[in-house]
Amino acid sequence: MKFKYLKEFTLLAGVIAIAAIGARLLAGGETLSDYAKKNPDAAITSSTEAESPEPRQDDVYEASASTAESASDSSTAEASMIAEPEPVGEPETEAEIKPELEPEPSPERITYMDGFYYEPISNEIFKRISGISYPVDCTVSLDELRYVGLKYVDFNGEIQTGELICNKALAQDMVEIFYELCTNDYRIESVKLVDEFGGDDTASMLANNTSCFNYRVVEGTTRLSNHAYGRAIDLNPFYNPYVTYNKDGTTNISPEGSEAYADRSASFPYKIDENDLAYKLFKEHGFKWGGDWNNSKDYQHFEKK
C-alpha cells in the first residue's frame, strides 16, 4: 500500500515540472519577480487595485449626496451674494412716501396765484396765535386780520412756503408784492409768524425772520406799533436794523449783532435801499419806508395806514 500510488505521484510531479519549464521558456525565461523588478509602476498599480475593493452601493450614494449638498450650499451662498446688494440708503418712511396734506381751504379764500392767497383767521390759526401775538387784551378784531400764504426764495436759492398775518386792507398788496419778489429771485431768509418766536420781536429779528402782525408797542414807548394792527412788515431785519439816536450823539441798534449793517454807505447783500426791488414794490403799493424817517431809521420796516 505504501508504494501503491508512488508511480502516479512521480508522473504528476514530472508533468508539473515540464509545464513550469515550458512557461518560462515562452515568457523569455522571465519570472513574475523579474517582471516586477523591471516594471515597478505596473506592479504598484496592480497591487493597489488588488487591495482596493469595489465600493459598496451605499458608499456611492452617500458620496454623491455629500457632493450634491456641498454644491447646493455653494450655489446658495453665491445666490445670496447676488440677491442681497448693498443698501443705497435709509428706507423711505411713510411720511416720505405720502405727500403732506394742506389744511382745508376756507370758502372765503382769495387766491392770487398758485401758492399766494389770503383768507380770514381760522380756528386753527387762532389757536396758534392766541395768548402770543394775539393776547387776551388785544383790541384788534380778528375780522380785521387776514392769514396770508405765500412762497419765497430763501438764501440757498430754494423755494419755500411762508406765512404771515396782516390787516385785511393790506392782504391783496402782500400777495402781489411777494409774488413779484419770488418770481424775481429776491432772497428772504425766513417768513414765519412771530408766534414761532414766542411773540418776541427781538428773537424774530435775530433770526432774520420777516413778520407782520404782532400786538405790541413801539420799542421804548407805550404807544402801539403799526404791527399791532397788521399794517407794518419787517423784511430781512438782521441786515436792515432799527437805529435810534440818543441826545448824547450815541445810537442804539437793534437787533444786537447787526451793528455792521447800520452803515448804509457800505455794500452788502440783502440791503434795502432806494435801488432794492422790495423797496420799489412796497412804495408802488403805497407803503412808507422806515429808512426815510428823520428821528430814527428802521431799514427793515414798511407800513401802510
C-alpha atoms as a PDB file:
ATOM      1  CA  MET A   1       0.000   0.000   0.000  1.00  0.00           C
ATOM      2  CA  LYS A   2       2.880   2.361   0.828  1.00  0.00           C
ATOM      3  CA  PHE A   3       4.117   2.291  -2.739  1.00  0.00           C
ATOM      4  CA  LYS A   4       0.792   1.811  -4.473  1.00  0.00           C
ATOM      5  CA  TYR A   5       0.500   5.425  -5.648  1.00  0.00           C
ATOM      6  CA  LEU A   6       4.202   6.269  -5.825  1.00  0.00           C
ATOM      7  CA  LYS A   7       4.286   5.833  -9.543  1.00  0.00           C
ATOM      8  CA  GLU A   8       1.312   8.141 -10.110  1.00  0.00           C
ATOM      9  CA  PHE A   9       2.792  10.903  -7.842  1.00  0.00           C
ATOM     10  CA  THR A  10       6.094  10.705  -9.633  1.00  0.00           C
ATOM     11  CA  LEU A  11       4.413  11.020 -13.017  1.00  0.00           C
ATOM     12  CA  LEU A  12       2.342  14.041 -11.834  1.00  0.00           C
ATOM     13  CA  ALA A  13       5.411  15.819 -10.469  1.00  0.00           C
ATOM     14  CA  GLY A  14       7.179  15.356 -13.717  1.00  0.00           C
ATOM     15  CA  VAL A  15       4.284  16.860 -15.687  1.00  0.00           C
ATOM     16  CA  ILE A  16       4.220  19.924 -13.401  1.00  0.00           C
ATOM     17  CA  ALA A  17       7.972  20.429 -13.766  1.00  0.00           C
ATOM     18  CA  ILE A  18       7.797  20.199 -17.535  1.00  0.00           C
ATOM     19  CA  ALA A  19       4.862  22.683 -17.628  1.00  0.00           C
ATOM     20  CA  ALA A  20       6.799  25.190 -15.494  1.00  0.00           C
ATOM     21  CA  ILE A  21       9.866  24.949 -17.671  1.00  0.00           C
ATOM     22  CA  GLY A  22       7.720  25.448 -20.782  1.00  0.00           C
ATOM     23  CA  ALA A  23       6.001  28.517 -19.365  1.00  0.00           C
ATOM     24  CA  ARG A  24       9.338  30.106 -18.511  1.00  0.00           C
ATOM     25  CA  LEU A  25      10.658  29.414 -21.986  1.00  0.00           C
ATOM     26  CA  LEU A  26       7.522  31.026 -23.539  1.00  0.00           C
ATOM     27  CA  ALA A  27       7.965  34.152 -21.293  1.00  0.00           C
ATOM     28  CA  GLY A  28      11.523  34.538 -22.399  1.00  0.00           C
ATOM     29  CA  GLY A  29      12.857  32.979 -19.219  1.00  0.00           C
ATOM     30  CA  GLU A  30      11.379  35.883 -17.038  1.00  0.00           C
ATOM     31  CA  THR A  31       9.618  35.155 -13.732  1.00  0.00           C
ATOM     32  CA  LEU A  32       6.961  37.336 -12.075  1.00  0.00           C
ATOM     33  CA  SER A  33       9.594  38.549  -9.654  1.00  0.00           C
ATOM     34  CA  ASP A  34      11.827  39.554 -12.536  1.00  0.00           C
ATOM     35  CA  TYR A  35       8.936  41.349 -14.277  1.00  0.00           C
ATOM     36  CA  ALA A  36       8.089  43.275 -11.092  1.00  0.00           C
ATOM     37  CA  LYS A  37      11.680  44.472 -10.773  1.00  0.00           C
ATOM     38  CA  LYS A  38      11.630  45.801 -14.375  1.00  0.00           C
ATOM     39  CA  ASN A  39       8.091  47.365 -14.134  1.00  0.00           C
ATOM     40  CA  PRO A  40       7.628  48.758 -10.576  1.00  0.00           C
ATOM     41  CA  ASP A  41       4.755  51.180 -11.554  1.00  0.00           C
ATOM     42  CA  ALA A  42       2.729  48.399 -13.058  1.00  0.00           C
ATOM     43  CA  ALA A  43       3.400  46.248 -10.038  1.00  0.00           C
ATOM     44  CA  ILE A  44       2.255  49.026  -7.618  1.00  0.00           C
ATOM     45  CA  THR A  45      -0.881  49.674  -9.660  1.00  0.00           C
ATOM     46  CA  SER A  46      -1.742  46.047  -9.767  1.00  0.00           C
ATOM     47  CA  SER A  47      -1.101  45.751  -6.056  1.00  0.00           C
ATOM     48  CA  THR A  48      -3.256  48.786  -5.275  1.00  0.00           C
ATOM     49  CA  GLU A  49      -6.099  47.592  -7.440  1.00  0.00           C
ATOM     50  CA  ALA A  50      -5.884  44.280  -5.774  1.00  0.00           C
ATOM     51  CA  GLU A  51      -6.032  45.815  -2.295  1.00  0.00           C
ATOM     52  CA  SER A  52      -8.856  48.328  -3.111  1.00  0.00           C
ATOM     53  CA  PRO A  53     -12.175  46.555  -3.342  1.00  0.00           C
ATOM     54  CA  GLU A  54     -15.076  47.926  -5.364  1.00  0.00           C
ATOM     55  CA  PRO A  55     -17.097  50.477  -3.281  1.00  0.00           C
ATOM     56  CA  ARG A  56     -20.438  49.400  -1.934  1.00  0.00           C
ATOM     57  CA  GLN A  57     -23.555  50.944  -3.493  1.00  0.00           C
ATOM     58  CA  ASP A  58     -24.371  52.644  -0.144  1.00  0.00           C
ATOM     59  CA  ASP A  59     -20.946  54.310  -0.150  1.00  0.00           C
ATOM     60  CA  VAL A  60     -21.520  55.589  -3.698  1.00  0.00           C
ATOM     61  CA  TYR A  61     -24.922  57.070  -2.736  1.00  0.00           C
ATOM     62  CA  GLU A  62     -23.592  58.809   0.391  1.00  0.00           C
ATOM     63  CA  ALA A  63     -20.652  60.288  -1.503  1.00  0.00           C
ATOM     64  CA  SER A  64     -22.967  61.568  -4.246  1.00  0.00           C
ATOM     65  CA  ALA A  65     -25.347  63.095  -1.718  1.00  0.00           C
ATOM     66  CA  SER A  66     -22.476  64.825   0.104  1.00  0.00           C
ATOM     67  CA  THR A  67     -21.135  66.259  -3.139  1.00  0.00           C
ATOM     68  CA  ALA A  68     -24.595  67.473  -4.172  1.00  0.00           C
ATOM     69  CA  GLU A  69     -25.136  69.075  -0.754  1.00  0.00           C
ATOM     70  CA  SER A  70     -21.788  70.905  -0.964  1.00  0.00           C
ATOM     71  CA  ALA A  71     -22.624  72.136  -4.450  1.00  0.00           C
ATOM     72  CA  SER A  72     -26.068  73.290  -3.247  1.00  0.00           C
ATOM     73  CA  ASP A  73     -24.539  75.193  -0.302  1.00  0.00           C
ATOM     74  CA  SER A  74     -22.055  76.839  -2.632  1.00  0.00           C
ATOM     75  CA  SER A  75     -24.800  77.820  -5.091  1.00  0.00           C
ATOM     76  CA  THR A  76     -26.954  79.167  -2.270  1.00  0.00           C
ATOM     77  CA  ALA A  77     -24.075  81.273  -0.974  1.00  0.00           C
ATOM     78  CA  GLU A  78     -23.414  82.676  -4.429  1.00  0.00           C
ATOM     79  CA  ALA A  79     -27.116  83.370  -4.998  1.00  0.00           C
ATOM     80  CA  SER A  80     -27.267  85.093  -1.607  1.00  0.00           C
ATOM     81  CA  MET A  81     -24.394  87.350  -2.540  1.00  0.00           C
ATOM     82  CA  ILE A  82     -26.194  88.378  -5.736  1.00  0.00           C
ATOM     83  CA  ALA A  83     -29.658  88.686  -4.231  1.00  0.00           C
ATOM     84  CA  GLU A  84     -28.601  90.981  -1.357  1.00  0.00           C
ATOM     85  CA  PRO A  85     -26.930  94.128  -2.780  1.00  0.00           C
ATOM     86  CA  GLU A  86     -25.589  96.839  -0.543  1.00  0.00           C
ATOM     87  CA  PRO A  87     -28.400  99.156   0.648  1.00  0.00           C
ATOM     88  CA  VAL A  88     -28.363 102.521  -1.107  1.00  0.00           C
ATOM     89  CA  GLY A  89     -29.862 104.476   1.769  1.00  0.00           C
ATOM     90  CA  GLU A  90     -32.398 104.513   4.546  1.00  0.00           C
ATOM     91  CA  PRO A  91     -35.758 103.065   3.524  1.00  0.00           C
ATOM     92  CA  GLU A  92     -38.469 105.574   2.840  1.00  0.00           C
ATOM     93  CA  THR A  93     -40.756 106.227   5.753  1.00  0.00           C
ATOM     94  CA  GLU A  94     -44.496 106.511   5.402  1.00  0.00           C
ATOM     95  CA  ALA A  95     -44.226 110.278   5.863  1.00  0.00           C
ATOM     96  CA  GLU A  96     -41.777 110.480   2.948  1.00  0.00           C
ATOM     97  CA  ILE A  97     -43.980 108.386   0.689  1.00  0.00           C
ATOM     98  CA  LYS A  98     -47.263 110.145   1.412  1.00  0.00           C
ATOM     99  CA  PRO A  99     -47.395 113.835   0.445  1.00  0.00           C
ATOM    100  CA  GLU A 100     -48.243 116.233   3.234  1.00  0.00           C
ATOM    101  CA  LEU A 101     -51.861 117.293   3.057  1.00  0.00           C
ATOM    102  CA  GLU A 102     -52.624 121.024   3.251  1.00  0.00           C
ATOM    103  CA  PRO A 103     -55.385 122.240   5.578  1.00  0.00           C
ATOM    104  CA  GLU A 104     -58.810 122.517   4.041  1.00  0.00           C
ATOM    105  CA  PRO A 105     -59.005 125.983   2.431  1.00  0.00           C
ATOM    106  CA  SER A 106     -61.542 128.474   3.706  1.00  0.00           C
ATOM    107  CA  PRO A 107     -64.573 129.083   1.467  1.00  0.00           C
ATOM    108  CA  GLU A 108     -63.568 132.759   1.680  1.00  0.00           C
ATOM    109  CA  ARG A 109     -60.008 132.168   0.469  1.00  0.00           C
ATOM    110  CA  ILE A 110     -58.809 134.560  -2.208  1.00  0.00           C
ATOM    111  CA  THR A 111     -56.099 133.057  -4.427  1.00  0.00           C
ATOM    112  CA  TYR A 112     -53.930 135.475  -6.379  1.00  0.00           C
ATOM    113  CA  MET A 113     -51.529 132.940  -7.884  1.00  0.00           C
ATOM    114  CA  ASP A 114     -50.727 129.322  -7.081  1.00  0.00           C
ATOM    115  CA  GLY A 115     -49.280 129.370  -3.551  1.00  0.00           C
ATOM    116  CA  PHE A 116     -50.254 133.007  -2.932  1.00  0.00           C
ATOM    117  CA  TYR A 117     -53.584 133.535  -1.149  1.00  0.00           C
ATOM    118  CA  TYR A 118     -55.277 135.105   1.872  1.00  0.00           C
ATOM    119  CA  GLU A 119     -58.289 134.214   3.980  1.00  0.00           C
ATOM    120  CA  PRO A 120     -59.959 135.028   7.337  1.00  0.00           C
ATOM    121  CA  ILE A 121     -58.311 133.803  10.526  1.00  0.00           C
ATOM    122  CA  SER A 122     -59.415 130.204  11.040  1.00  0.00           C
ATOM    123  CA  ASN A 123     -59.896 128.486  14.391  1.00  0.00           C
ATOM    124  CA  GLU A 124     -56.683 126.562  13.757  1.00  0.00           C
ATOM    125  CA  ILE A 125     -54.671 129.767  13.209  1.00  0.00           C
ATOM    126  CA  PHE A 126     -56.335 131.466  16.159  1.00  0.00           C
ATOM    127  CA  LYS A 127     -55.196 128.637  18.432  1.00  0.00           C
ATOM    128  CA  ARG A 128     -51.622 129.233  17.269  1.00  0.00           C
ATOM    129  CA  ILE A 129     -51.628 132.992  17.943  1.00  0.00           C
ATOM    130  CA  SER A 130     -53.942 133.192  20.964  1.00  0.00           C
ATOM    131  CA  GLY A 131     -52.087 134.460  24.017  1.00  0.00           C
ATOM    132  CA  ILE A 132     -48.948 135.218  21.960  1.00  0.00           C
ATOM    133  CA  SER A 133     -49.159 137.724  19.097  1.00  0.00           C
ATOM    134  CA  TYR A 134     -52.877 137.995  19.854  1.00  0.00           C
ATOM    135  CA  PRO A 135     -53.037 138.442  23.661  1.00  0.00           C
ATOM    136  CA  VAL A 136     -56.204 138.461  25.721  1.00  0.00           C
ATOM    137  CA  ASP A 137     -56.191 142.263  25.892  1.00  0.00           C
ATOM    138  CA  CYS A 138     -55.891 142.671  22.109  1.00  0.00           C
ATOM    139  CA  THR A 139     -58.251 145.403  20.898  1.00  0.00           C
ATOM    140  CA  VAL A 140     -57.968 144.455  17.227  1.00  0.00           C
ATOM    141  CA  SER A 141     -60.825 142.298  15.977  1.00  0.00           C
ATOM    142  CA  LEU A 142     -59.970 139.035  14.216  1.00  0.00           C
ATOM    143  CA  ASP A 143     -62.253 140.189  11.415  1.00  0.00           C
ATOM    144  CA  GLU A 144     -59.749 142.960  10.680  1.00  0.00           C
ATOM    145  CA  LEU A 145     -56.959 140.460  10.058  1.00  0.00           C
ATOM    146  CA  ARG A 146     -56.130 138.037   7.261  1.00  0.00           C
ATOM    147  CA  TYR A 147     -53.913 134.973   7.111  1.00  0.00           C
ATOM    148  CA  VAL A 148     -51.592 135.105   4.071  1.00  0.00           C
ATOM    149  CA  GLY A 149     -49.970 132.069   2.465  1.00  0.00           C
ATOM    150  CA  LEU A 150     -47.051 132.747   0.139  1.00  0.00           C
ATOM    151  CA  LYS A 151     -43.884 131.438  -1.484  1.00  0.00           C
ATOM    152  CA  TYR A 152     -40.397 132.929  -1.285  1.00  0.00           C
ATOM    153  CA  VAL A 153     -36.816 132.192  -2.319  1.00  0.00           C
ATOM    154  CA  ASP A 154     -34.537 131.511   0.665  1.00  0.00           C
ATOM    155  CA  PHE A 155     -30.835 132.336   0.989  1.00  0.00           C
ATOM    156  CA  ASN A 156     -29.969 128.967  -0.591  1.00  0.00           C
ATOM    157  CA  GLY A 157     -31.998 129.775  -3.680  1.00  0.00           C
ATOM    158  CA  GLU A 158     -34.749 127.287  -2.828  1.00  0.00           C
ATOM    159  CA  ILE A 159     -38.488 127.965  -2.956  1.00  0.00           C
ATOM    160  CA  GLN A 160     -40.084 127.874   0.493  1.00  0.00           C
ATOM    161  CA  THR A 161     -43.620 128.226   1.840  1.00  0.00           C
ATOM    162  CA  GLY A 162     -44.136 131.210   4.120  1.00  0.00           C
ATOM    163  CA  GLU A 163     -46.986 132.705   6.143  1.00  0.00           C
ATOM    164  CA  LEU A 164     -47.894 135.992   7.753  1.00  0.00           C
ATOM    165  CA  ILE A 165     -50.881 137.774   9.230  1.00  0.00           C
ATOM    166  CA  CYS A 166     -51.741 141.289   8.155  1.00  0.00           C
ATOM    167  CA  ASN A 167     -54.599 143.754   8.133  1.00  0.00           C
ATOM    168  CA  LYS A 168     -57.276 142.756   5.651  1.00  0.00           C
ATOM    169  CA  ALA A 169     -56.787 146.086   3.833  1.00  0.00           C
ATOM    170  CA  LEU A 170     -53.180 145.054   3.026  1.00  0.00           C
ATOM    171  CA  ALA A 171     -53.758 141.388   2.115  1.00  0.00           C
ATOM    172  CA  GLN A 172     -54.003 141.915  -1.644  1.00  0.00           C
ATOM    173  CA  ASP A 173     -50.865 144.091  -1.554  1.00  0.00           C
ATOM    174  CA  MET A 174     -48.978 141.344   0.255  1.00  0.00           C
ATOM    175  CA  VAL A 175     -49.721 138.555  -2.208  1.00  0.00           C
ATOM    176  CA  GLU A 176     -48.923 140.793  -5.177  1.00  0.00           C
ATOM    177  CA  ILE A 177     -45.636 142.056  -3.697  1.00  0.00           C
ATOM    178  CA  PHE A 178     -44.395 138.666  -2.522  1.00  0.00           C
ATOM    179  CA  TYR A 179     -45.333 137.073  -5.833  1.00  0.00           C
ATOM    180  CA  GLU A 180     -43.125 139.595  -7.640  1.00  0.00           C
ATOM    181  CA  LEU A 181     -40.298 139.090  -5.152  1.00  0.00           C
ATOM    182  CA  CYS A 182     -40.460 135.326  -5.573  1.00  0.00           C
ATOM    183  CA  THR A 183     -40.593 135.331  -9.377  1.00  0.00           C
ATOM    184  CA  ASN A 184     -37.623 137.741  -9.454  1.00  0.00           C
ATOM    185  CA  ASP A 185     -35.491 135.523  -7.177  1.00  0.00           C
ATOM    186  CA  TYR A 186     -35.426 138.063  -4.349  1.00  0.00           C
ATOM    187  CA  ARG A 187     -33.838 136.357  -1.343  1.00  0.00           C
ATOM    188  CA  ILE A 188     -35.596 136.263   2.035  1.00  0.00           C
ATOM    189  CA  GLU A 189     -34.247 134.107   4.846  1.00  0.00           C
ATOM    190  CA  SER A 190     -37.472 133.314   6.666  1.00  0.00           C
ATOM    191  CA  VAL A 191     -41.190 134.221   6.622  1.00  0.00           C
ATOM    192  CA  LYS A 192     -42.842 132.829   9.752  1.00  0.00           C
ATOM    193  CA  LEU A 193     -45.450 134.040  12.194  1.00  0.00           C
ATOM    194  CA  VAL A 194     -43.812 135.866  15.098  1.00  0.00           C
ATOM    195  CA  ASP A 195     -45.600 133.327  17.304  1.00  0.00           C
ATOM    196  CA  GLU A 196     -42.898 130.842  16.285  1.00  0.00           C
ATOM    197  CA  PHE A 197     -40.589 133.012  18.407  1.00  0.00           C
ATOM    198  CA  GLY A 198     -42.966 133.338  21.335  1.00  0.00           C
ATOM    199  CA  GLY A 199     -44.157 136.741  20.106  1.00  0.00           C
ATOM    200  CA  ASP A 200     -40.682 138.115  20.902  1.00  0.00           C
ATOM    201  CA  ASP A 201     -39.865 140.704  18.243  1.00  0.00           C
ATOM    202  CA  THR A 202     -36.178 140.754  19.171  1.00  0.00           C
ATOM    203  CA  ALA A 203     -35.876 136.974  18.790  1.00  0.00           C
ATOM    204  CA  SER A 204     -37.613 137.163  15.425  1.00  0.00           C
ATOM    205  CA  MET A 205     -35.188 139.874  14.248  1.00  0.00           C
ATOM    206  CA  LEU A 206     -32.165 137.919  15.457  1.00  0.00           C
ATOM    207  CA  ALA A 207     -33.359 135.006  13.326  1.00  0.00           C
ATOM    208  CA  ASN A 208     -33.678 137.418  10.389  1.00  0.00           C
ATOM    209  CA  ASN A 209     -37.332 136.494  10.183  1.00  0.00           C
ATOM    210  CA  THR A 210     -39.764 138.523   8.107  1.00  0.00           C
ATOM    211  CA  SER A 211     -43.029 139.105  10.002  1.00  0.00           C
ATOM    212  CA  CYS A 212     -46.037 141.381  10.110  1.00  0.00           C
ATOM    213  CA  PHE A 213     -48.784 141.253  12.766  1.00  0.00           C
ATOM    214  CA  ASN A 214     -47.799 141.371  16.435  1.00  0.00           C
ATOM    215  CA  TYR A 215     -49.893 143.166  19.043  1.00  0.00           C
ATOM    216  CA  ARG A 216     -47.114 145.131  20.741  1.00  0.00           C
ATOM    217  CA  VAL A 217     -45.921 148.647  21.484  1.00  0.00           C
ATOM    218  CA  VAL A 218     -43.169 150.566  19.718  1.00  0.00           C
ATOM    219  CA  GLU A 219     -39.825 149.654  21.288  1.00  0.00           C
ATOM    220  CA  GLY A 220     -39.017 152.055  24.130  1.00  0.00           C
ATOM    221  CA  THR A 221     -42.532 153.558  24.259  1.00  0.00           C
ATOM    222  CA  THR A 222     -46.050 152.753  25.419  1.00  0.00           C
ATOM    223  CA  ARG A 223     -47.552 153.521  22.014  1.00  0.00           C
ATOM    224  CA  LEU A 224     -48.997 150.704  19.925  1.00  0.00           C
ATOM    225  CA  SER A 225     -46.943 149.856  16.869  1.00  0.00           C
ATOM    226  CA  ASN A 226     -48.488 149.624  13.416  1.00  0.00           C
ATOM    227  CA  HIS A 227     -47.566 145.934  13.691  1.00  0.00           C
ATOM    228  CA  ALA A 228     -50.332 145.702  16.308  1.00  0.00           C
ATOM    229  CA  TYR A 229     -52.849 146.488  13.575  1.00  0.00           C
ATOM    230  CA  GLY A 230     -51.226 144.292  10.964  1.00  0.00           C
ATOM    231  CA  ARG A 231     -50.280 147.374   8.957  1.00  0.00           C
ATOM    232  CA  ALA A 232     -46.484 147.017   9.057  1.00  0.00           C
ATOM    233  CA  ILE A 233     -43.965 144.407   7.964  1.00  0.00           C
ATOM    234  CA  ASP A 234     -40.264 143.925   8.797  1.00  0.00           C
ATOM    235  CA  LEU A 235     -38.227 142.425   5.935  1.00  0.00           C
ATOM    236  CA  ASN A 236     -34.845 140.677   6.467  1.00  0.00           C
ATOM    237  CA  PRO A 237     -34.471 142.627   9.743  1.00  0.00           C
ATOM    238  CA  PHE A 238     -30.986 141.491  10.760  1.00  0.00           C
ATOM    239  CA  TYR A 239     -29.442 143.023   7.626  1.00  0.00           C
ATOM    240  CA  ASN A 240     -31.691 146.081   7.889  1.00  0.00           C
ATOM    241  CA  PRO A 241     -31.600 147.101  11.562  1.00  0.00           C
ATOM    242  CA  TYR A 242     -33.616 149.578  13.581  1.00  0.00           C
ATOM    243  CA  VAL A 243     -31.488 152.592  14.590  1.00  0.00           C
ATOM    244  CA  THR A 244     -32.426 155.216  17.186  1.00  0.00           C
ATOM    245  CA  TYR A 245     -30.406 158.260  18.239  1.00  0.00           C
ATOM    246  CA  ASN A 246     -29.668 159.403  21.769  1.00  0.00           C
ATOM    247  CA  LYS A 247     -29.260 163.043  22.870  1.00  0.00           C
ATOM    248  CA  ASP A 248     -25.576 162.483  23.576  1.00  0.00           C
ATOM    249  CA  GLY A 249     -24.998 161.520  19.942  1.00  0.00           C
ATOM    250  CA  THR A 250     -24.795 157.774  20.505  1.00  0.00           C
ATOM    251  CA  THR A 251     -27.021 155.284  18.743  1.00  0.00           C
ATOM    252  CA  ASN A 252     -28.975 152.186  19.652  1.00  0.00           C
ATOM    253  CA  ILE A 253     -29.008 149.446  17.048  1.00  0.00           C
ATOM    254  CA  SER A 254     -31.465 146.555  17.114  1.00  0.00           C
ATOM    255  CA  PRO A 255     -31.128 143.628  16.903  1.00  0.00           C
ATOM    256  CA  GLU A 256     -27.856 143.234  18.740  1.00  0.00           C
ATOM    257  CA  GLY A 257     -25.097 141.992  16.461  1.00  0.00           C
ATOM    258  CA  SER A 258     -26.349 143.835  13.381  1.00  0.00           C
ATOM    259  CA  GLU A 259     -24.260 146.958  14.008  1.00  0.00           C
ATOM    260  CA  ALA A 260     -22.186 146.482  10.853  1.00  0.00           C
ATOM    261  CA  TYR A 261     -25.343 146.771   8.744  1.00  0.00           C
ATOM    262  CA  ALA A 262     -26.317 150.131  10.229  1.00  0.00           C
ATOM    263  CA  ASP A 263     -23.712 151.731   7.951  1.00  0.00           C
ATOM    264  CA  ARG A 264     -25.805 152.160   4.827  1.00  0.00           C
ATOM    265  CA  SER A 265     -22.863 153.510   2.834  1.00  0.00           C
ATOM    266  CA  ALA A 266     -21.381 150.004   2.915  1.00  0.00           C
ATOM    267  CA  SER A 267     -22.170 147.438   0.260  1.00  0.00           C
ATOM    268  CA  PHE A 268     -23.529 144.059   1.416  1.00  0.00           C
ATOM    269  CA  PRO A 269     -26.189 141.515   0.387  1.00  0.00           C
ATOM    270  CA  TYR A 270     -29.853 141.872   1.361  1.00  0.00           C
ATOM    271  CA  LYS A 271     -29.558 145.626   1.977  1.00  0.00           C
ATOM    272  CA  ILE A 272     -32.772 147.577   1.459  1.00  0.00           C
ATOM    273  CA  ASP A 273     -32.273 150.961  -0.178  1.00  0.00           C
ATOM    274  CA  GLU A 274     -33.827 153.007  -2.982  1.00  0.00           C
ATOM    275  CA  ASN A 275     -32.409 150.602  -5.579  1.00  0.00           C
ATOM    276  CA  ASP A 276     -33.780 147.493  -3.906  1.00  0.00           C
ATOM    277  CA  LEU A 277     -36.662 145.623  -5.577  1.00  0.00           C
ATOM    278  CA  ALA A 278     -38.614 145.261  -2.327  1.00  0.00           C
ATOM    279  CA  TYR A 279     -38.326 148.991  -1.705  1.00  0.00           C
ATOM    280  CA  LYS A 280     -39.686 149.744  -5.170  1.00  0.00           C
ATOM    281  CA  LEU A 281     -42.584 147.296  -4.903  1.00  0.00           C
ATOM    282  CA  PHE A 282     -43.721 148.408  -1.454  1.00  0.00           C
ATOM    283  CA  LYS A 283     -43.506 152.070  -2.483  1.00  0.00           C
ATOM    284  CA  GLU A 284     -45.565 151.333  -5.619  1.00  0.00           C
ATOM    285  CA  HIS A 285     -48.249 149.827  -3.379  1.00  0.00           C
ATOM    286  CA  GLY A 286     -48.422 152.943  -1.192  1.00  0.00           C
ATOM    287  CA  PHE A 287     -46.209 151.835   1.726  1.00  0.00           C
ATOM    288  CA  LYS A 288     -43.851 154.122   3.601  1.00  0.00           C
ATOM    289  CA  TRP A 289     -40.289 153.017   4.384  1.00  0.00           C
ATOM    290  CA  GLY A 290     -38.732 153.372   7.827  1.00  0.00           C
ATOM    291  CA  GLY A 291     -35.402 154.219   6.215  1.00  0.00           C
ATOM    292  CA  ASP A 292     -36.856 157.602   5.250  1.00  0.00           C
ATOM    293  CA  TRP A 293     -37.593 158.646   8.830  1.00  0.00           C
ATOM    294  CA  ASN A 294     -35.668 161.547  10.363  1.00  0.00           C
ATOM    295  CA  ASN A 295     -35.631 160.857  14.123  1.00  0.00           C
ATOM    296  CA  SER A 296     -34.834 157.170  13.677  1.00  0.00           C
ATOM    297  CA  LYS A 297     -34.073 154.729  10.891  1.00  0.00           C
ATOM    298  CA  ASP A 298     -35.971 151.486  10.590  1.00  0.00           C
ATOM    299  CA  TYR A 299     -34.486 149.992   7.432  1.00  0.00           C
ATOM    300  CA  GLN A 300     -36.432 146.739   7.701  1.00  0.00           C
ATOM    301  CA  HIS A 301     -39.811 148.421   8.127  1.00  0.00           C
ATOM    302  CA  PHE A 302     -42.611 149.122   5.629  1.00  0.00           C
ATOM    303  CA  GLU A 303     -46.042 150.344   6.740  1.00  0.00           C
ATOM    304  CA  LYS A 304     -49.322 151.416   5.211  1.00  0.00           C
ATOM    305  CA  LYS A 305     -52.066 153.108   7.224  1.00  0.00           C
END
